[in-house]
Amino acid sequence: MDHPITLGSGKLPENRYEYFDTEPREYLVLIGGGSPYGSRVGNCDPCVTAYILGYIDLLTGERTEGRSTISWVITNEDYSRRSYAGIFREGVKYRIKGLPSKRSRSFYPVEVLGTVRKMPFLDLLWKEYNRPVFMHSDLFGEMKLNKRYEYFSARFDWLGTEIKVYFNTDEGEDEKCLANLEQFCREAERRDKEVRDYAADELTYLANDWRDDDHLDHEITEEEFRSRIKISSVEVSAEGDYDVWFDDDDMFAGHSVHVSGDALGAPDYAALEG
């Protein structure tokens, strides 16, 4: 993509004057940690958010590291066309003109001036971002950190079915999350029956409304629902809340079954999703 590239209108929206200075500076920015995405809240103008792993203020020389975001307002037309999708590429360092924040170490980007090949500080951040991080579990072995979506995951044999087990990383809570996940999986036999029974009781009627008649030409019973759904993943939080997902075995148009609850109690939520 040719540079320079104007971001949005290239100007600060009036409703953000109190948050950012109007005198632009130049920054070197490392893109990483997720794809840029567009969003709209209520009647506000749409905006684009891009993940960054760090940046350098070229006026002051100040260096900032850590996964964060930069955002800018776009037009409704650009939002509909998703014209922002190709502006940034992960792992690339960009020279950006932006307006510094009055309240924090951030800025409002208005123009992409170009890319740079080498910058030791940012290159080191990219190398560190790509370094694998693991957490050991006596039950799951080495759980790998997905840095983009910030969760630890592993594979686990759940009553003869290999599933994905995971928890979102939270500084100071990872050990607690892991302990809760291990405890939940040690109770696999009881938990499996518990969530299947609840899902069948709550969702069989809906599954019949959604069933794929090309694969199934009869009414789904609770017993069939309970036995045919295939567990695929389990997530547990530091508070003990859990989420269990099942595949539908092509009973009702390829949807997923989601059951959640509190580890200290019975399931309290079930839905067909996807």
Protein backbone atom coordinates (compact mmCIF):
# COMPACT_ATOMS: atom_id res chain seq x y z
CA MET A 1 0.00 0.00 0.00
CA ASP A 2 1.34 3.42 -0.98
CA HIS A 3 2.11 6.01 1.66
CA PRO A 4 1.26 8.49 3.05
CA ILE A 5 -2.23 7.36 4.06
CA THR A 6 -4.73 9.67 5.75
CA LEU A 7 -6.57 8.01 8.64
CA GLY A 8 -10.23 9.02 8.70
CA SER A 9 -10.50 12.73 8.03
CA GLY A 10 -6.91 13.30 9.11
CA LYS A 11 -8.22 15.69 11.75
CA LEU A 12 -9.21 15.43 15.38
CA PRO A 13 -13.02 15.21 15.86
CA GLU A 14 -14.42 18.15 17.83
CA ASN A 15 -15.69 15.89 20.59
CA ARG A 16 -12.10 14.82 21.34
CA TYR A 17 -10.51 18.26 21.67
CA GLU A 18 -10.44 17.95 25.45
CA TYR A 19 -8.50 14.67 25.27
CA PHE A 20 -5.76 15.38 22.70
CA ASP A 21 -3.40 18.19 21.75
CA THR A 22 -3.80 19.68 18.28
CA GLU A 23 -0.08 19.93 17.51
CA PRO A 24 0.98 16.69 15.80
CA ARG A 25 4.06 14.62 16.53
CA GLU A 26 5.62 11.67 14.76
CA TYR A 27 5.75 8.19 16.25
CA LEU A 28 7.27 4.85 15.35
CA VAL A 29 4.72 2.12 16.04
CA LEU A 30 4.93 -1.68 16.04
CA ILE A 31 1.67 -3.31 14.94
CA GLY A 32 0.80 -6.59 16.64
CA GLY A 33 -1.53 -8.46 18.96
CA GLY A 34 -4.59 -8.64 16.71
CA SER A 35 -6.17 -7.43 13.50
CA PRO A 36 -7.56 -3.87 13.15
CA TYR A 37 -11.32 -3.81 13.59
CA GLY A 38 -14.14 -1.34 13.04
CA SER A 39 -16.84 -0.66 15.61
CA ARG A 40 -19.76 1.61 16.28
CA VAL A 41 -21.35 2.47 19.64
CA GLY A 42 -24.87 3.86 19.61
CA ASN A 43 -25.22 6.96 17.44
CA CYS A 44 -21.50 7.78 17.57
CA ASP A 45 -19.38 7.86 14.43
CA PRO A 46 -17.68 4.54 13.66
CA CYS A 47 -14.03 4.12 14.54
CA VAL A 48 -11.15 1.75 13.82
CA THR A 49 -8.95 0.23 16.50
CA ALA A 50 -5.52 -1.29 15.81
CA TYR A 51 -3.40 -3.26 18.29
CA ILE A 52 0.18 -2.18 18.91
CA LEU A 53 3.01 -3.73 20.93
CA GLY A 54 4.90 -0.51 21.57
CA TYR A 55 5.90 2.85 20.11
CA ILE A 56 8.49 5.63 20.21
CA ASP A 57 7.68 9.34 20.45
CA LEU A 58 10.13 10.82 17.93
CA LEU A 59 9.93 14.30 19.50
CA THR A 60 10.78 13.31 23.07
CA GLY A 61 12.43 9.93 22.44
CA GLU A 62 10.12 8.35 25.02
CA ARG A 63 9.62 4.64 24.54
CA THR A 64 6.45 2.78 25.48
CA GLU A 65 6.07 -1.00 25.48
CA GLY A 66 3.14 -3.30 26.12
CA ARG A 67 0.08 -4.37 24.18
CA SER A 68 -2.31 -1.44 23.72
CA THR A 69 -4.41 0.17 21.00
CA ILE A 70 -4.69 3.23 18.80
CA SER A 71 -8.09 4.35 17.47
CA TRP A 72 -9.40 6.88 14.96
CA VAL A 73 -12.82 7.96 13.67
CA ILE A 74 -13.87 7.00 10.12
CA THR A 75 -16.80 7.74 7.82
CA ASN A 76 -19.88 5.55 7.55
CA GLU A 77 -18.85 4.71 3.98
CA ASP A 78 -15.38 3.53 5.03
CA TYR A 79 -16.96 1.52 7.84
CA SER A 80 -19.31 -0.24 5.43
CA ARG A 81 -16.57 -0.89 2.86
CA ARG A 82 -14.03 -1.98 5.49
CA SER A 83 -11.47 0.13 3.65
CA TYR A 84 -9.36 0.22 6.81
CA ALA A 85 -8.63 -3.51 6.72
CA GLY A 86 -5.38 -3.35 4.75
CA ILE A 87 -3.80 -0.25 6.27
CA PHE A 88 -1.65 -2.11 8.81
CA ARG A 89 0.12 -5.48 8.80
CA GLU A 90 1.14 -7.32 11.95
CA GLY A 91 4.83 -7.21 12.75
CA VAL A 92 5.46 -4.12 10.61
CA LYS A 93 6.87 -0.89 12.02
CA TYR A 94 5.15 2.29 10.85
CA ARG A 95 5.99 5.98 11.04
CA ILE A 96 2.77 7.71 12.10
CA LYS A 97 1.72 11.31 12.59
CA GLY A 98 -0.48 11.64 15.66
CA LEU A 99 -1.87 14.00 18.27
CA PRO A 100 -0.58 13.31 21.80
CA SER A 101 -3.03 12.63 24.60
CA LYS A 102 -3.46 15.19 27.36
CA ARG A 103 -4.21 12.51 29.94
CA SER A 104 -2.16 9.43 29.16
CA ARG A 105 0.79 8.04 27.21
CA SER A 106 -1.12 7.56 23.96
CA PHE A 107 -2.02 9.48 20.82
CA TYR A 108 -4.70 9.95 18.17
CA PRO A 109 -3.33 8.83 14.77
CA VAL A 110 -4.09 11.01 11.72
CA GLU A 111 -1.66 9.85 9.02
CA VAL A 112 0.58 6.90 8.17
CA LEU A 113 3.78 8.31 6.68
CA GLY A 114 5.50 5.03 5.80
CA THR A 115 7.30 1.98 7.19
CA VAL A 116 10.76 1.48 8.69
CA ARG A 117 12.95 -1.59 8.34
CA LYS A 118 14.96 -1.57 11.56
CA MET A 119 14.47 -0.14 15.02
CA PRO A 120 16.18 -2.20 17.75
CA PHE A 121 13.72 -1.32 20.53
CA LEU A 122 10.67 -2.30 18.48
CA ASP A 123 12.43 -5.29 16.90
CA LEU A 124 13.10 -6.64 20.39
CA LEU A 125 9.41 -6.24 21.32
CA TRP A 126 8.43 -8.26 18.25
CA LYS A 127 10.93 -10.98 19.11
CA GLU A 128 9.63 -11.14 22.67
CA TYR A 129 6.02 -11.24 21.47
CA ASN A 130 6.81 -14.30 19.34
CA ARG A 131 8.66 -16.13 22.13
CA PRO A 132 6.49 -19.05 23.33
CA VAL A 133 5.24 -18.85 26.91
CA PHE A 134 4.11 -21.95 28.79
CA MET A 135 2.50 -22.72 32.14
CA HIS A 136 2.94 -26.17 33.64
CA SER A 137 0.00 -28.25 34.82
CA ASP A 138 0.28 -31.66 36.47
CA LEU A 139 -2.97 -32.63 34.71
CA PHE A 140 -2.60 -30.99 31.28
CA GLY A 141 1.17 -30.80 30.85
CA GLU A 142 2.51 -27.59 29.28
CA MET A 143 -0.23 -25.05 28.58
CA LYS A 144 0.71 -22.56 25.86
CA LEU A 145 -0.14 -18.86 26.01
CA ASN A 146 -1.98 -17.45 22.99
CA LYS A 147 -0.65 -13.90 23.14
CA ARG A 148 -3.05 -12.46 20.60
CA TYR A 149 -6.17 -13.50 22.53
CA GLU A 150 -4.46 -13.79 25.93
CA TYR A 151 -5.39 -17.28 27.07
CA PHE A 152 -3.55 -20.46 28.10
CA SER A 153 -4.72 -23.68 26.46
CA ALA A 154 -3.97 -27.40 26.22
CA ARG A 155 -5.56 -30.63 25.03
CA PHE A 156 -7.21 -33.00 27.49
CA ASP A 157 -8.74 -36.48 27.31
CA TRP A 158 -12.32 -35.93 28.51
CA LEU A 159 -13.86 -39.38 28.99
CA GLY A 160 -12.28 -40.63 25.77
CA THR A 161 -12.73 -37.44 23.73
CA GLU A 162 -9.84 -35.04 23.17
CA ILE A 163 -10.97 -31.49 23.93
CA LYS A 164 -9.48 -28.04 24.30
CA VAL A 165 -9.21 -26.67 27.84
CA TYR A 166 -8.28 -23.05 28.51
CA PHE A 167 -8.53 -19.96 30.67
CA ASN A 168 -8.00 -16.27 30.00
CA THR A 169 -4.78 -15.00 31.49
CA ASP A 170 -5.16 -12.43 34.25
CA GLU A 171 -2.14 -11.12 36.13
CA GLY A 172 -2.18 -12.54 39.63
CA GLU A 173 -5.04 -14.97 38.88
CA ASP A 174 -3.46 -17.52 36.53
CA GLU A 175 -2.68 -20.05 39.26
CA LYS A 176 -6.24 -19.82 40.58
CA CYS A 177 -7.67 -20.23 37.05
CA LEU A 178 -5.51 -23.29 36.49
CA ALA A 179 -6.49 -24.85 39.82
CA ASN A 180 -10.20 -24.38 39.03
CA LEU A 181 -9.79 -25.83 35.55
CA GLU A 182 -7.92 -28.86 36.88
CA GLN A 183 -10.57 -29.47 39.53
CA PHE A 184 -13.38 -29.20 36.99
CA CYS A 185 -11.70 -31.72 34.68
CA ARG A 186 -10.98 -34.13 37.54
CA GLU A 187 -14.75 -34.20 38.03
CA ALA A 188 -15.30 -34.95 34.32
CA GLU A 189 -17.71 -37.84 34.81
CA ARG A 190 -20.05 -35.90 37.08
CA ARG A 191 -19.73 -32.64 35.17
CA ASP A 192 -20.32 -34.29 31.81
CA LYS A 193 -23.64 -35.77 32.93
CA GLU A 194 -24.63 -32.54 34.65
CA VAL A 195 -24.13 -30.27 31.63
CA ARG A 196 -25.58 -32.78 29.13
CA ASP A 197 -28.73 -33.24 31.20
CA TYR A 198 -29.17 -29.50 31.58
CA ALA A 199 -28.59 -28.81 27.87
CA ALA A 200 -31.04 -31.52 26.82
CA ASP A 201 -33.69 -30.26 29.22
CA GLU A 202 -33.30 -26.64 28.12
CA LEU A 203 -32.64 -26.93 24.39
CA THR A 204 -34.21 -30.05 22.84
CA TYR A 205 -37.34 -28.15 21.81
CA LEU A 206 -35.20 -25.50 20.11
CA ALA A 207 -33.01 -28.12 18.45
CA ASN A 208 -36.14 -29.53 16.79
CA ASP A 209 -37.00 -26.09 15.45
CA TRP A 210 -33.47 -25.77 14.04
CA ARG A 211 -32.80 -29.36 13.00
CA ASP A 212 -31.28 -30.05 9.60
CA ASP A 213 -33.94 -32.05 7.76
CA ASP A 214 -31.38 -33.11 5.13
CA HIS A 215 -29.61 -35.14 7.83
CA LEU A 216 -32.43 -35.84 10.29
CA ASP A 217 -36.06 -36.57 9.38
CA HIS A 218 -37.42 -37.33 12.83
CA GLU A 219 -38.15 -35.53 16.07
CA ILE A 220 -35.11 -35.22 18.34
CA THR A 221 -35.69 -36.68 21.80
CA GLU A 222 -33.95 -35.47 24.94
CA GLU A 223 -32.09 -38.77 25.11
CA GLU A 224 -30.83 -38.42 21.53
CA PHE A 225 -29.84 -34.82 22.14
CA ARG A 226 -28.00 -35.77 25.33
CA SER A 227 -26.07 -38.64 23.75
CA ARG A 228 -25.19 -37.12 20.38
CA ILE A 229 -23.77 -33.73 21.32
CA LYS A 230 -19.96 -33.92 21.30
CA ILE A 231 -17.96 -31.97 23.84
CA SER A 232 -15.26 -29.77 22.26
CA SER A 233 -13.94 -27.34 24.87
CA VAL A 234 -14.03 -26.21 28.50
CA GLU A 235 -13.14 -22.81 29.94
CA VAL A 236 -12.97 -21.96 33.65
CA SER A 237 -12.38 -18.58 35.31
CA ALA A 238 -10.61 -17.57 38.52
CA GLU A 239 -14.02 -17.18 40.21
CA GLY A 240 -14.95 -20.75 39.29
CA ASP A 241 -17.42 -19.92 36.53
CA TYR A 242 -17.25 -22.38 33.66
CA ASP A 243 -18.27 -22.56 29.98
CA VAL A 244 -18.61 -25.86 28.12
CA TRP A 245 -19.13 -26.13 24.36
CA PHE A 246 -20.46 -29.09 22.36
CA ASP A 247 -20.77 -29.76 18.62
CA ASP A 248 -24.25 -30.80 17.48
CA ASP A 249 -23.30 -33.92 15.44
CA ASP A 250 -25.22 -32.40 12.46
CA MET A 251 -28.54 -32.71 14.27
CA PHE A 252 -29.54 -29.06 13.95
CA ALA A 253 -27.73 -27.27 11.13
CA GLY A 254 -24.21 -27.36 12.55
CA HIS A 255 -24.77 -25.16 15.58
CA SER A 256 -22.88 -25.31 18.88
CA VAL A 257 -24.30 -25.98 22.33
CA HIS A 258 -23.04 -23.67 25.06
CA VAL A 259 -23.60 -24.45 28.75
CA SER A 260 -22.26 -22.36 31.62
CA GLY A 261 -22.55 -22.18 35.37
CA ASP A 262 -20.83 -21.72 38.71
CA ALA A 263 -18.39 -24.45 39.73
CA LEU A 264 -20.03 -24.54 43.17
CA GLY A 265 -23.52 -25.03 41.76
CA ALA A 266 -25.50 -26.51 38.91
CA PRO A 267 -25.50 -25.17 35.33
CA ASP A 268 -27.60 -22.03 34.94
CA TYR A 269 -27.37 -21.12 31.24
CA ALA A 270 -27.71 -22.99 27.95
CA ALA A 271 -27.93 -21.76 24.36
CA LEU A 272 -27.55 -22.80 20.74
CA GLU A 273 -24.88 -20.69 19.09
CA GLY A 274 -23.04 -20.32 15.81
